[in-house]
Amino acid sequence: MNLPERARVVVVGGGVIGTSVAYHLAKAGVTDVLLLERDRLTAGTTWHAAGLIVTFGSLSETSTRLRQYTRDLYASLEAETGLSTGLRQCGFIEVAADPGRLEEYRRVAAFNRHLGVDVHEISPAEVGKLFPLARTDDLLAGFYVAEDGRANPVDVTMSLAKGARLRGVTILEGVPVTGTLRRGDTVTGVRTPFGDVEAEVVVNCAGMWARQLGEEAGVSVPLQAAEHYYLITEPIDGVSSDMPVLEDPGSYGYFREEGGGLLVGLFEGAAAPWSVERVPDGFAFGTLPPRLGPDDALPEQGHAPDPGHRGGRGADLLLRPRELHARPGPGLR
């Protein structure tokens, strides 16, 4: 292992966030960057992320500008790196089924239009035309952005990583960071099984493991892995990759095409924390065994049908960890 003894910046974690940090540092002219990934790039939670690319929905100008920038970056990154991000601008629909949510989305839409998001309020009938599998009889409206859609998180990560490497960043896989070097209340580098690396700046992009790495350095990182269900169905007639993403927070779900069928993501109102004491070091590309029994119900109000209910094994129910964030606390510099 040819591990450098020093780098100006060490980025810990090779998911989409870590590779993005490395890419943007290099793009800004900071090229003495070392990214260390404990397993392989995308390990943890990036590899199974839904990949929704959505500019609509925030009342924060900063958040909206970041969403717009991200969508534009993913659209242009292939020309720079030669690697596609899998971006498909198939459209995005957010639906409202009650007056309160309709009023909220109209306010959000007005603010987003002010910032340049091309969002249109559409009727339930128009929702049905764009997403024929959707149930629309109890909807009041939808909010549609034609240029939004989805990307492939693995492809995005690999393209960002290549862009970072092309600018001089060093990326090493199979190098876990086991601790930090400190001088007083300042982090001065990282420890690995292959030796120590001194750094002016250490960026914690360790995902599910970020809290553990922070604790080792005396930093409180308010992040907890939680269980998150999603389903992937068998191919369904009439489903194509050009169908928009449909999201219905009021019914705790989002729906998009996946392999000719549907990927159905389920929002948990009270998510179950996973591995509270410590996320296993070797958990890289795994899923969790579903805890739903045959008599347990999924959310009942979804605005898409149960595509697996056709006899036989119609859908795979998968359980994976995701990261829940809270407000940051005090810690080291």
C-alpha atoms as a PDB file:
ATOM      1  CA  MET A   1       0.000   0.000   0.000  1.00  0.00           C
ATOM      2  CA  ASN A   2       1.565   3.278  -1.174  1.00  0.00           C
ATOM      3  CA  LEU A   3       0.055   5.510   1.496  1.00  0.00           C
ATOM      4  CA  PRO A   4       1.244   9.130   1.506  1.00  0.00           C
ATOM      5  CA  GLU A   5       2.649  10.402   4.798  1.00  0.00           C
ATOM      6  CA  ARG A   6       0.975  13.769   4.369  1.00  0.00           C
ATOM      7  CA  ALA A   7      -1.776  15.515   2.426  1.00  0.00           C
ATOM      8  CA  ARG A   8      -3.217  18.975   2.743  1.00  0.00           C
ATOM      9  CA  VAL A   9      -6.735  17.509   2.989  1.00  0.00           C
ATOM     10  CA  VAL A  10      -7.787  13.986   3.922  1.00  0.00           C
ATOM     11  CA  VAL A  11     -11.368  13.044   3.022  1.00  0.00           C
ATOM     12  CA  VAL A  12     -12.676  10.050   4.963  1.00  0.00           C
ATOM     13  CA  GLY A  13     -15.286   8.091   3.019  1.00  0.00           C
ATOM     14  CA  GLY A  14     -15.790   7.275  -0.655  1.00  0.00           C
ATOM     15  CA  GLY A  15     -19.522   7.632  -1.063  1.00  0.00           C
ATOM     16  CA  VAL A  16     -21.214  10.283  -3.154  1.00  0.00           C
ATOM     17  CA  ILE A  17     -20.509  12.958  -0.514  1.00  0.00           C
ATOM     18  CA  GLY A  18     -16.831  12.137  -0.080  1.00  0.00           C
ATOM     19  CA  THR A  19     -16.144  11.984  -3.806  1.00  0.00           C
ATOM     20  CA  SER A  20     -18.081  15.220  -4.309  1.00  0.00           C
ATOM     21  CA  VAL A  21     -16.006  16.971  -1.647  1.00  0.00           C
ATOM     22  CA  ALA A  22     -12.803  15.747  -3.278  1.00  0.00           C
ATOM     23  CA  TYR A  23     -13.987  16.747  -6.753  1.00  0.00           C
ATOM     24  CA  HIS A  24     -15.031  20.242  -5.717  1.00  0.00           C
ATOM     25  CA  LEU A  25     -11.871  20.864  -3.704  1.00  0.00           C
ATOM     26  CA  ALA A  26      -9.793  19.953  -6.745  1.00  0.00           C
ATOM     27  CA  LYS A  27     -11.996  22.047  -9.005  1.00  0.00           C
ATOM     28  CA  ALA A  28     -11.369  24.984  -6.655  1.00  0.00           C
ATOM     29  CA  GLY A  29      -7.620  24.462  -6.976  1.00  0.00           C
ATOM     30  CA  VAL A  30      -6.960  22.377  -3.837  1.00  0.00           C
ATOM     31  CA  THR A  31      -5.423  19.298  -5.449  1.00  0.00           C
ATOM     32  CA  ASP A  32      -3.314  17.906  -2.582  1.00  0.00           C
ATOM     33  CA  VAL A  33      -6.254  15.795  -1.466  1.00  0.00           C
ATOM     34  CA  LEU A  34      -6.252  12.190  -0.284  1.00  0.00           C
ATOM     35  CA  LEU A  35      -9.570  10.316  -0.158  1.00  0.00           C
ATOM     36  CA  LEU A  36      -9.587   7.132   1.940  1.00  0.00           C
ATOM     37  CA  GLU A  37     -12.374   4.559   1.558  1.00  0.00           C
ATOM     38  CA  ARG A  38     -12.558   1.681   4.040  1.00  0.00           C
ATOM     39  CA  ASP A  39     -13.993  -0.759   1.470  1.00  0.00           C
ATOM     40  CA  ARG A  40     -14.883   0.197  -2.097  1.00  0.00           C
ATOM     41  CA  LEU A  41     -16.349   3.405  -3.472  1.00  0.00           C
ATOM     42  CA  THR A  42     -20.130   3.645  -2.836  1.00  0.00           C
ATOM     43  CA  ALA A  43     -19.989   1.268   0.172  1.00  0.00           C
ATOM     44  CA  GLY A  44     -22.395   2.032   3.006  1.00  0.00           C
ATOM     45  CA  THR A  45     -25.549   3.814   1.853  1.00  0.00           C
ATOM     46  CA  THR A  46     -24.623   5.351  -1.516  1.00  0.00           C
ATOM     47  CA  TRP A  47     -24.887   2.144  -3.544  1.00  0.00           C
ATOM     48  CA  HIS A  48     -28.588   1.642  -2.770  1.00  0.00           C
ATOM     49  CA  ALA A  49     -29.757   5.263  -2.680  1.00  0.00           C
ATOM     50  CA  ALA A  50     -32.881   6.135  -4.688  1.00  0.00           C
ATOM     51  CA  GLY A  51     -31.080   8.746  -6.787  1.00  0.00           C
ATOM     52  CA  LEU A  52     -33.950  11.235  -6.974  1.00  0.00           C
ATOM     53  CA  ILE A  53     -32.919  14.552  -8.559  1.00  0.00           C
ATOM     54  CA  VAL A  54     -35.463  17.112  -7.418  1.00  0.00           C
ATOM     55  CA  THR A  55     -35.268  20.915  -7.473  1.00  0.00           C
ATOM     56  CA  PHE A  56     -38.818  21.473  -6.187  1.00  0.00           C
ATOM     57  CA  GLY A  57     -39.750  21.482  -2.532  1.00  0.00           C
ATOM     58  CA  SER A  58     -37.551  23.764  -0.457  1.00  0.00           C
ATOM     59  CA  LEU A  59     -38.233  27.188   1.023  1.00  0.00           C
ATOM     60  CA  SER A  60     -34.501  27.741   1.427  1.00  0.00           C
ATOM     61  CA  GLU A  61     -32.733  29.632  -1.343  1.00  0.00           C
ATOM     62  CA  THR A  62     -29.456  27.920  -0.438  1.00  0.00           C
ATOM     63  CA  SER A  63     -31.000  24.463  -0.675  1.00  0.00           C
ATOM     64  CA  THR A  64     -32.758  25.265  -3.942  1.00  0.00           C
ATOM     65  CA  ARG A  65     -29.596  26.661  -5.527  1.00  0.00           C
ATOM     66  CA  LEU A  66     -27.687  23.540  -4.459  1.00  0.00           C
ATOM     67  CA  ARG A  67     -30.375  21.354  -6.024  1.00  0.00           C
ATOM     68  CA  GLN A  68     -30.217  23.294  -9.275  1.00  0.00           C
ATOM     69  CA  TYR A  69     -26.420  23.189  -9.310  1.00  0.00           C
ATOM     70  CA  THR A  70     -26.405  19.443  -8.649  1.00  0.00           C
ATOM     71  CA  ARG A  71     -28.818  18.689 -11.473  1.00  0.00           C
ATOM     72  CA  ASP A  72     -26.795  20.817 -13.884  1.00  0.00           C
ATOM     73  CA  LEU A  73     -23.521  19.233 -12.737  1.00  0.00           C
ATOM     74  CA  TYR A  74     -24.809  15.707 -13.265  1.00  0.00           C
ATOM     75  CA  ALA A  75     -26.005  16.703 -16.730  1.00  0.00           C
ATOM     76  CA  SER A  76     -22.549  17.957 -17.727  1.00  0.00           C
ATOM     77  CA  LEU A  77     -20.178  15.667 -15.847  1.00  0.00           C
ATOM     78  CA  GLU A  78     -20.014  12.966 -18.521  1.00  0.00           C
ATOM     79  CA  ALA A  79     -18.547  15.435 -21.021  1.00  0.00           C
ATOM     80  CA  GLU A  80     -15.776  16.143 -18.522  1.00  0.00           C
ATOM     81  CA  THR A  81     -15.011  12.641 -17.262  1.00  0.00           C
ATOM     82  CA  GLY A  82     -16.317  10.278 -19.926  1.00  0.00           C
ATOM     83  CA  LEU A  83     -18.452   8.508 -17.322  1.00  0.00           C
ATOM     84  CA  SER A  84     -22.226   8.915 -17.317  1.00  0.00           C
ATOM     85  CA  THR A  85     -24.052   9.834 -14.111  1.00  0.00           C
ATOM     86  CA  GLY A  86     -27.138   7.974 -15.281  1.00  0.00           C
ATOM     87  CA  LEU A  87     -29.118  11.210 -15.156  1.00  0.00           C
ATOM     88  CA  ARG A  88     -32.548  10.793 -16.703  1.00  0.00           C
ATOM     89  CA  GLN A  89     -34.586  14.000 -16.740  1.00  0.00           C
ATOM     90  CA  CYS A  90     -37.870  12.132 -16.929  1.00  0.00           C
ATOM     91  CA  GLY A  91     -39.772  14.610 -14.768  1.00  0.00           C
ATOM     92  CA  PHE A  92     -40.920  14.765 -11.162  1.00  0.00           C
ATOM     93  CA  ILE A  93     -44.414  15.055  -9.691  1.00  0.00           C
ATOM     94  CA  GLU A  94     -45.257  15.950  -6.091  1.00  0.00           C
ATOM     95  CA  VAL A  95     -48.919  15.304  -5.303  1.00  0.00           C
ATOM     96  CA  ALA A  96     -51.242  16.950  -2.790  1.00  0.00           C
ATOM     97  CA  ALA A  97     -54.307  15.154  -1.447  1.00  0.00           C
ATOM     98  CA  ASP A  98     -55.430  17.569   1.262  1.00  0.00           C
ATOM     99  CA  PRO A  99     -56.023  21.341   1.396  1.00  0.00           C
ATOM    100  CA  GLY A 100     -53.189  22.022   3.828  1.00  0.00           C
ATOM    101  CA  ARG A 101     -50.584  20.335   1.675  1.00  0.00           C
ATOM    102  CA  LEU A 102     -51.977  22.006  -1.445  1.00  0.00           C
ATOM    103  CA  GLU A 103     -51.585  25.426   0.158  1.00  0.00           C
ATOM    104  CA  GLU A 104     -48.060  24.549   1.274  1.00  0.00           C
ATOM    105  CA  TYR A 105     -47.003  23.388  -2.190  1.00  0.00           C
ATOM    106  CA  ARG A 106     -48.463  26.459  -3.851  1.00  0.00           C
ATOM    107  CA  ARG A 107     -46.333  28.632  -1.585  1.00  0.00           C
ATOM    108  CA  VAL A 108     -43.275  26.493  -2.263  1.00  0.00           C
ATOM    109  CA  ALA A 109     -43.958  26.596  -6.005  1.00  0.00           C
ATOM    110  CA  ALA A 110     -44.195  30.394  -6.001  1.00  0.00           C
ATOM    111  CA  PHE A 111     -40.882  30.661  -4.160  1.00  0.00           C
ATOM    112  CA  ASN A 112     -39.208  28.072  -6.385  1.00  0.00           C
ATOM    113  CA  ARG A 113     -40.400  29.840  -9.561  1.00  0.00           C
ATOM    114  CA  HIS A 114     -38.823  33.020  -8.215  1.00  0.00           C
ATOM    115  CA  LEU A 115     -35.513  31.117  -8.140  1.00  0.00           C
ATOM    116  CA  GLY A 116     -35.924  29.745 -11.645  1.00  0.00           C
ATOM    117  CA  VAL A 117     -37.458  26.311 -11.009  1.00  0.00           C
ATOM    118  CA  ASP A 118     -39.896  25.594 -13.841  1.00  0.00           C
ATOM    119  CA  VAL A 119     -42.632  24.030 -11.704  1.00  0.00           C
ATOM    120  CA  HIS A 120     -46.240  23.791 -12.889  1.00  0.00           C
ATOM    121  CA  GLU A 121     -49.381  22.990 -10.935  1.00  0.00           C
ATOM    122  CA  ILE A 122     -51.257  20.249 -12.802  1.00  0.00           C
ATOM    123  CA  SER A 123     -54.652  18.607 -12.360  1.00  0.00           C
ATOM    124  CA  PRO A 124     -55.230  15.055 -11.081  1.00  0.00           C
ATOM    125  CA  ALA A 125     -56.137  14.056 -14.636  1.00  0.00           C
ATOM    126  CA  GLU A 126     -52.784  15.342 -15.874  1.00  0.00           C
ATOM    127  CA  VAL A 127     -51.044  13.415 -13.095  1.00  0.00           C
ATOM    128  CA  GLY A 128     -52.777  10.285 -14.368  1.00  0.00           C
ATOM    129  CA  LYS A 129     -51.647  10.902 -17.930  1.00  0.00           C
ATOM    130  CA  LEU A 130     -48.025  11.339 -16.878  1.00  0.00           C
ATOM    131  CA  PHE A 131     -48.075   8.419 -14.431  1.00  0.00           C
ATOM    132  CA  PRO A 132     -50.817   6.032 -15.617  1.00  0.00           C
ATOM    133  CA  LEU A 133     -50.452   3.630 -12.680  1.00  0.00           C
ATOM    134  CA  ALA A 134     -51.269   6.319 -10.143  1.00  0.00           C
ATOM    135  CA  ARG A 135     -54.536   6.513  -8.294  1.00  0.00           C
ATOM    136  CA  THR A 136     -55.772  10.075  -8.710  1.00  0.00           C
ATOM    137  CA  ASP A 137     -59.405  10.109  -7.595  1.00  0.00           C
ATOM    138  CA  ASP A 138     -58.588  11.646  -4.203  1.00  0.00           C
ATOM    139  CA  LEU A 139     -55.889  14.076  -5.339  1.00  0.00           C
ATOM    140  CA  LEU A 140     -56.328  17.840  -5.459  1.00  0.00           C
ATOM    141  CA  ALA A 141     -53.310  18.668  -7.633  1.00  0.00           C
ATOM    142  CA  GLY A 142     -49.794  17.767  -8.607  1.00  0.00           C
ATOM    143  CA  PHE A 143     -46.684  19.907  -8.976  1.00  0.00           C
ATOM    144  CA  TYR A 144     -44.595  18.947 -12.001  1.00  0.00           C
ATOM    145  CA  VAL A 145     -41.013  19.781 -12.960  1.00  0.00           C
ATOM    146  CA  ALA A 146     -40.161  18.333 -16.374  1.00  0.00           C
ATOM    147  CA  GLU A 147     -36.374  18.757 -16.008  1.00  0.00           C
ATOM    148  CA  ASP A 148     -36.113  16.853 -12.707  1.00  0.00           C
ATOM    149  CA  GLY A 149     -35.862  13.085 -12.488  1.00  0.00           C
ATOM    150  CA  ARG A 150     -33.287  10.602 -11.261  1.00  0.00           C
ATOM    151  CA  ALA A 151     -29.647   9.592 -11.507  1.00  0.00           C
ATOM    152  CA  ASN A 152     -27.673   6.457 -10.726  1.00  0.00           C
ATOM    153  CA  PRO A 153     -25.853   7.057  -7.405  1.00  0.00           C
ATOM    154  CA  VAL A 154     -23.094   4.568  -8.233  1.00  0.00           C
ATOM    155  CA  ASP A 155     -22.488   6.175 -11.633  1.00  0.00           C
ATOM    156  CA  VAL A 156     -22.512   9.647 -10.069  1.00  0.00           C
ATOM    157  CA  THR A 157     -19.912   8.582  -7.512  1.00  0.00           C
ATOM    158  CA  MET A 158     -17.637   7.010 -10.109  1.00  0.00           C
ATOM    159  CA  SER A 159     -17.869  10.045 -12.367  1.00  0.00           C
ATOM    160  CA  LEU A 160     -17.067  12.427  -9.499  1.00  0.00           C
ATOM    161  CA  ALA A 161     -14.170  10.206  -8.460  1.00  0.00           C
ATOM    162  CA  LYS A 162     -12.733  10.222 -11.975  1.00  0.00           C
ATOM    163  CA  GLY A 163     -13.137  13.985 -12.176  1.00  0.00           C
ATOM    164  CA  ALA A 164     -11.257  14.323  -8.890  1.00  0.00           C
ATOM    165  CA  ARG A 165      -8.472  12.007 -10.043  1.00  0.00           C
ATOM    166  CA  LEU A 166      -8.118  13.907 -13.316  1.00  0.00           C
ATOM    167  CA  ARG A 167      -7.400  17.021 -11.234  1.00  0.00           C
ATOM    168  CA  GLY A 168      -4.761  15.321  -9.090  1.00  0.00           C
ATOM    169  CA  VAL A 169      -6.698  13.838  -6.155  1.00  0.00           C
ATOM    170  CA  THR A 170      -5.456  10.512  -4.785  1.00  0.00           C
ATOM    171  CA  ILE A 171      -8.203   7.978  -4.002  1.00  0.00           C
ATOM    172  CA  LEU A 172      -7.336   4.799  -2.106  1.00  0.00           C
ATOM    173  CA  GLU A 173      -9.807   1.986  -1.475  1.00  0.00           C
ATOM    174  CA  GLY A 174      -9.480  -0.674   1.216  1.00  0.00           C
ATOM    175  CA  VAL A 175      -7.929   1.805   3.677  1.00  0.00           C
ATOM    176  CA  PRO A 176     -10.063   2.225   6.812  1.00  0.00           C
ATOM    177  CA  VAL A 177      -9.467   5.246   9.001  1.00  0.00           C
ATOM    178  CA  THR A 178      -9.256   3.885  12.540  1.00  0.00           C
ATOM    179  CA  GLY A 179      -8.640   7.121  14.387  1.00  0.00           C
ATOM    180  CA  THR A 180      -7.377  10.685  14.246  1.00  0.00           C
ATOM    181  CA  LEU A 181      -4.159  12.432  15.145  1.00  0.00           C
ATOM    182  CA  ARG A 182      -4.607  15.380  17.470  1.00  0.00           C
ATOM    183  CA  ARG A 183      -2.657  18.243  18.905  1.00  0.00           C
ATOM    184  CA  GLY A 184      -4.675  19.840  21.661  1.00  0.00           C
ATOM    185  CA  ASP A 185      -8.168  20.418  20.309  1.00  0.00           C
ATOM    186  CA  THR A 186      -7.037  20.309  16.674  1.00  0.00           C
ATOM    187  CA  VAL A 187      -7.144  17.262  14.416  1.00  0.00           C
ATOM    188  CA  THR A 188      -3.824  16.958  12.584  1.00  0.00           C
ATOM    189  CA  GLY A 189      -4.281  13.759  10.595  1.00  0.00           C
ATOM    190  CA  VAL A 190      -5.650  10.222  10.572  1.00  0.00           C
ATOM    191  CA  ARG A 191      -4.582   6.737  11.612  1.00  0.00           C
ATOM    192  CA  THR A 192      -4.937   3.707   9.346  1.00  0.00           C
ATOM    193  CA  PRO A 193      -3.715   0.079   9.536  1.00  0.00           C
ATOM    194  CA  PHE A 194      -1.129   1.056   6.923  1.00  0.00           C
ATOM    195  CA  GLY A 195       0.290   4.038   8.793  1.00  0.00           C
ATOM    196  CA  ASP A 196      -0.555   7.594   9.807  1.00  0.00           C
ATOM    197  CA  VAL A 197      -1.265  10.479   7.445  1.00  0.00           C
ATOM    198  CA  GLU A 198      -0.743  14.071   8.552  1.00  0.00           C
ATOM    199  CA  ALA A 199      -3.186  16.674   7.230  1.00  0.00           C
ATOM    200  CA  GLU A 200      -4.113  20.307   7.644  1.00  0.00           C
ATOM    201  CA  VAL A 201      -7.786  19.420   7.275  1.00  0.00           C
ATOM    202  CA  VAL A 202      -9.695  16.151   7.800  1.00  0.00           C
ATOM    203  CA  VAL A 203     -13.189  15.956   6.300  1.00  0.00           C
ATOM    204  CA  ASN A 204     -15.478  13.369   7.874  1.00  0.00           C
ATOM    205  CA  CYS A 205     -17.621  11.928   5.062  1.00  0.00           C
ATOM    206  CA  ALA A 206     -17.890   8.495   6.630  1.00  0.00           C
ATOM    207  CA  GLY A 207     -21.665   8.215   6.297  1.00  0.00           C
ATOM    208  CA  MET A 208     -23.099   5.670   8.748  1.00  0.00           C
ATOM    209  CA  TRP A 209     -19.723   5.525  10.479  1.00  0.00           C
ATOM    210  CA  ALA A 210     -19.356   9.315  10.805  1.00  0.00           C
ATOM    211  CA  ARG A 211     -20.613   9.393  14.380  1.00  0.00           C
ATOM    212  CA  GLN A 212     -18.147   6.716  15.454  1.00  0.00           C
ATOM    213  CA  LEU A 213     -15.240   8.500  13.804  1.00  0.00           C
ATOM    214  CA  GLY A 214     -16.348  11.739  15.447  1.00  0.00           C
ATOM    215  CA  GLU A 215     -16.601  10.118  18.875  1.00  0.00           C
ATOM    216  CA  GLU A 216     -13.041   8.847  18.583  1.00  0.00           C
ATOM    217  CA  ALA A 217     -11.930  12.448  18.048  1.00  0.00           C
ATOM    218  CA  GLY A 218     -14.180  13.854  20.775  1.00  0.00           C
ATOM    219  CA  VAL A 219     -16.617  15.386  18.277  1.00  0.00           C
ATOM    220  CA  SER A 220     -20.370  14.942  18.577  1.00  0.00           C
ATOM    221  CA  VAL A 221     -21.826  14.033  15.160  1.00  0.00           C
ATOM    222  CA  PRO A 222     -25.637  13.855  15.522  1.00  0.00           C
ATOM    223  CA  LEU A 223     -26.241  11.054  13.041  1.00  0.00           C
ATOM    224  CA  GLN A 224     -27.940   7.686  13.493  1.00  0.00           C
ATOM    225  CA  ALA A 225     -28.495   4.833  11.043  1.00  0.00           C
ATOM    226  CA  ALA A 226     -32.167   3.866  10.730  1.00  0.00           C
ATOM    227  CA  GLU A 227     -34.090   1.120   8.976  1.00  0.00           C
ATOM    228  CA  HIS A 228     -35.708   2.065   5.671  1.00  0.00           C
ATOM    229  CA  TYR A 229     -37.921  -0.160   3.538  1.00  0.00           C
ATOM    230  CA  TYR A 230     -38.265  -0.163  -0.214  1.00  0.00           C
ATOM    231  CA  LEU A 231     -39.775  -2.555  -2.729  1.00  0.00           C
ATOM    232  CA  ILE A 232     -38.673  -3.498  -6.221  1.00  0.00           C
ATOM    233  CA  THR A 233     -41.326  -5.153  -8.343  1.00  0.00           C
ATOM    234  CA  GLU A 234     -41.183  -7.478 -11.293  1.00  0.00           C
ATOM    235  CA  PRO A 235     -41.578  -5.848 -14.733  1.00  0.00           C
ATOM    236  CA  ILE A 236     -45.015  -4.281 -15.231  1.00  0.00           C
ATOM    237  CA  ASP A 237     -46.713  -3.738 -18.578  1.00  0.00           C
ATOM    238  CA  GLY A 238     -46.828  -0.053 -19.456  1.00  0.00           C
ATOM    239  CA  VAL A 239     -43.955   0.986 -17.201  1.00  0.00           C
ATOM    240  CA  SER A 240     -41.084   2.656 -19.020  1.00  0.00           C
ATOM    241  CA  SER A 241     -37.923   4.482 -18.048  1.00  0.00           C
ATOM    242  CA  ASP A 242     -39.486   7.701 -19.357  1.00  0.00           C
ATOM    243  CA  MET A 243     -42.127   7.763 -16.615  1.00  0.00           C
ATOM    244  CA  PRO A 244     -41.653  10.609 -14.142  1.00  0.00           C
ATOM    245  CA  VAL A 245     -40.833  10.112 -10.492  1.00  0.00           C
ATOM    246  CA  LEU A 246     -43.960  10.455  -8.361  1.00  0.00           C
ATOM    247  CA  GLU A 247     -43.706  11.430  -4.716  1.00  0.00           C
ATOM    248  CA  ASP A 248     -46.539  11.481  -2.197  1.00  0.00           C
ATOM    249  CA  PRO A 249     -45.315  12.473   1.282  1.00  0.00           C
ATOM    250  CA  GLY A 250     -48.888  12.438   2.558  1.00  0.00           C
ATOM    251  CA  SER A 251     -48.972   8.697   1.897  1.00  0.00           C
ATOM    252  CA  TYR A 252     -45.367   8.054   2.884  1.00  0.00           C
ATOM    253  CA  GLY A 253     -44.081   6.937  -0.495  1.00  0.00           C
ATOM    254  CA  TYR A 254     -42.283   7.679  -3.735  1.00  0.00           C
ATOM    255  CA  PHE A 255     -42.476   5.690  -6.951  1.00  0.00           C
ATOM    256  CA  ARG A 256     -40.160   5.430  -9.938  1.00  0.00           C
ATOM    257  CA  GLU A 257     -39.290   3.001 -12.714  1.00  0.00           C
ATOM    258  CA  GLU A 258     -36.673   0.357 -12.000  1.00  0.00           C
ATOM    259  CA  GLY A 259     -35.833  -2.436 -14.441  1.00  0.00           C
ATOM    260  CA  GLY A 260     -39.196  -2.215 -16.181  1.00  0.00           C
ATOM    261  CA  GLY A 261     -41.050  -2.376 -12.878  1.00  0.00           C
ATOM    262  CA  LEU A 262     -41.391   0.013  -9.968  1.00  0.00           C
ATOM    263  CA  LEU A 263     -39.165   0.974  -7.107  1.00  0.00           C
ATOM    264  CA  VAL A 264     -41.398   1.983  -4.198  1.00  0.00           C
ATOM    265  CA  GLY A 265     -39.702   3.844  -1.369  1.00  0.00           C
ATOM    266  CA  LEU A 266     -41.528   3.974   1.957  1.00  0.00           C
ATOM    267  CA  PHE A 267     -41.145   6.828   4.413  1.00  0.00           C
ATOM    268  CA  GLU A 268     -41.369   5.761   8.049  1.00  0.00           C
ATOM    269  CA  GLY A 269     -43.149   8.151  10.379  1.00  0.00           C
ATOM    270  CA  ALA A 270     -41.162   6.724  13.280  1.00  0.00           C
ATOM    271  CA  ALA A 271     -38.073   5.107  11.810  1.00  0.00           C
ATOM    272  CA  ALA A 272     -36.454   2.276  13.782  1.00  0.00           C
ATOM    273  CA  PRO A 273     -32.848   3.038  14.726  1.00  0.00           C
ATOM    274  CA  TRP A 274     -30.348   0.429  13.602  1.00  0.00           C
ATOM    275  CA  SER A 275     -27.158  -0.639  15.370  1.00  0.00           C
ATOM    276  CA  VAL A 276     -27.275   2.171  17.908  1.00  0.00           C
ATOM    277  CA  GLU A 277     -24.153   1.191  19.785  1.00  0.00           C
ATOM    278  CA  ARG A 278     -21.905   0.753  16.762  1.00  0.00           C
ATOM    279  CA  VAL A 279     -22.337   0.250  13.023  1.00  0.00           C
ATOM    280  CA  PRO A 280     -20.366  -2.895  12.117  1.00  0.00           C
ATOM    281  CA  ASP A 281     -17.036  -2.133  10.488  1.00  0.00           C
ATOM    282  CA  GLY A 282     -17.535  -4.747   7.778  1.00  0.00           C
ATOM    283  CA  PHE A 283     -21.061  -3.739   6.772  1.00  0.00           C
ATOM    284  CA  ALA A 284     -20.409  -2.379   3.279  1.00  0.00           C
ATOM    285  CA  PHE A 285     -22.865  -3.651   0.663  1.00  0.00           C
ATOM    286  CA  GLY A 286     -25.422  -5.450   2.794  1.00  0.00           C
ATOM    287  CA  THR A 287     -29.135  -5.211   3.439  1.00  0.00           C
ATOM    288  CA  LEU A 288     -31.075  -6.008   6.594  1.00  0.00           C
ATOM    289  CA  PRO A 289     -33.573  -8.867   6.975  1.00  0.00           C
ATOM    290  CA  PRO A 290     -37.130  -7.478   6.739  1.00  0.00           C
ATOM    291  CA  ARG A 291     -38.963  -7.366  10.035  1.00  0.00           C
ATOM    292  CA  LEU A 292     -42.422  -7.308   8.461  1.00  0.00           C
ATOM    293  CA  GLY A 293     -44.415 -10.479   8.970  1.00  0.00           C
ATOM    294  CA  PRO A 294     -47.247 -11.752   6.747  1.00  0.00           C
ATOM    295  CA  ASP A 295     -49.841  -9.918   8.846  1.00  0.00           C
ATOM    296  CA  ASP A 296     -48.000  -6.589   8.988  1.00  0.00           C
ATOM    297  CA  ALA A 297     -49.422  -3.790   6.838  1.00  0.00           C
ATOM    298  CA  LEU A 298     -47.585  -1.329   4.653  1.00  0.00           C
ATOM    299  CA  PRO A 299     -48.951   2.240   4.349  1.00  0.00           C
ATOM    300  CA  GLU A 300     -52.490   2.009   2.979  1.00  0.00           C
ATOM    301  CA  GLN A 301     -52.987   5.366   1.294  1.00  0.00           C
ATOM    302  CA  GLY A 302     -50.458   5.184  -1.537  1.00  0.00           C
ATOM    303  CA  HIS A 303     -51.460   6.700  -4.870  1.00  0.00           C
ATOM    304  CA  ALA A 304     -50.056   3.795  -6.872  1.00  0.00           C
ATOM    305  CA  PRO A 305     -51.419   0.239  -6.882  1.00  0.00           C
ATOM    306  CA  ASP A 306     -49.741  -2.785  -5.336  1.00  0.00           C
ATOM    307  CA  PRO A 307     -47.857  -3.870  -8.466  1.00  0.00           C
ATOM    308  CA  GLY A 308     -46.734  -7.127  -6.897  1.00  0.00           C
ATOM    309  CA  HIS A 309     -50.260  -8.346  -6.177  1.00  0.00           C
ATOM    310  CA  ARG A 310     -50.598 -10.441  -9.309  1.00  0.00           C
ATOM    311  CA  GLY A 311     -50.067 -13.896  -7.857  1.00  0.00           C
ATOM    312  CA  GLY A 312     -46.673 -15.413  -7.287  1.00  0.00           C
ATOM    313  CA  ARG A 313     -43.627 -13.476  -6.134  1.00  0.00           C
ATOM    314  CA  GLY A 314     -44.348 -10.048  -7.484  1.00  0.00           C
ATOM    315  CA  ALA A 315     -42.135  -7.781  -5.393  1.00  0.00           C
ATOM    316  CA  ASP A 316     -38.989  -7.967  -3.312  1.00  0.00           C
ATOM    317  CA  LEU A 317     -39.153  -6.137   0.009  1.00  0.00           C
ATOM    318  CA  LEU A 318     -35.715  -4.859   0.970  1.00  0.00           C
ATOM    319  CA  LEU A 319     -34.561  -3.265   4.181  1.00  0.00           C
ATOM    320  CA  ARG A 320     -31.471  -1.110   4.286  1.00  0.00           C
ATOM    321  CA  PRO A 321     -29.938   1.400   6.669  1.00  0.00           C
ATOM    322  CA  ARG A 322     -30.110   5.109   5.972  1.00  0.00           C
ATOM    323  CA  GLU A 323     -28.706   8.089   7.830  1.00  0.00           C
ATOM    324  CA  LEU A 324     -30.763  10.432  10.000  1.00  0.00           C
ATOM    325  CA  HIS A 325     -29.215  13.796  10.826  1.00  0.00           C
ATOM    326  CA  ALA A 326     -29.839  16.188  13.684  1.00  0.00           C
ATOM    327  CA  ARG A 327     -28.299  19.515  14.587  1.00  0.00           C
ATOM    328  CA  PRO A 328     -24.518  19.471  15.001  1.00  0.00           C
ATOM    329  CA  GLY A 329     -22.970  19.801  18.429  1.00  0.00           C
ATOM    330  CA  PRO A 330     -19.714  21.300  19.698  1.00  0.00           C
ATOM    331  CA  GLY A 331     -16.445  19.531  19.017  1.00  0.00           C
ATOM    332  CA  LEU A 332     -12.903  19.804  17.813  1.00  0.00           C
ATOM    333  CA  ARG A 333     -11.562  22.125  15.188  1.00  0.00           C
END
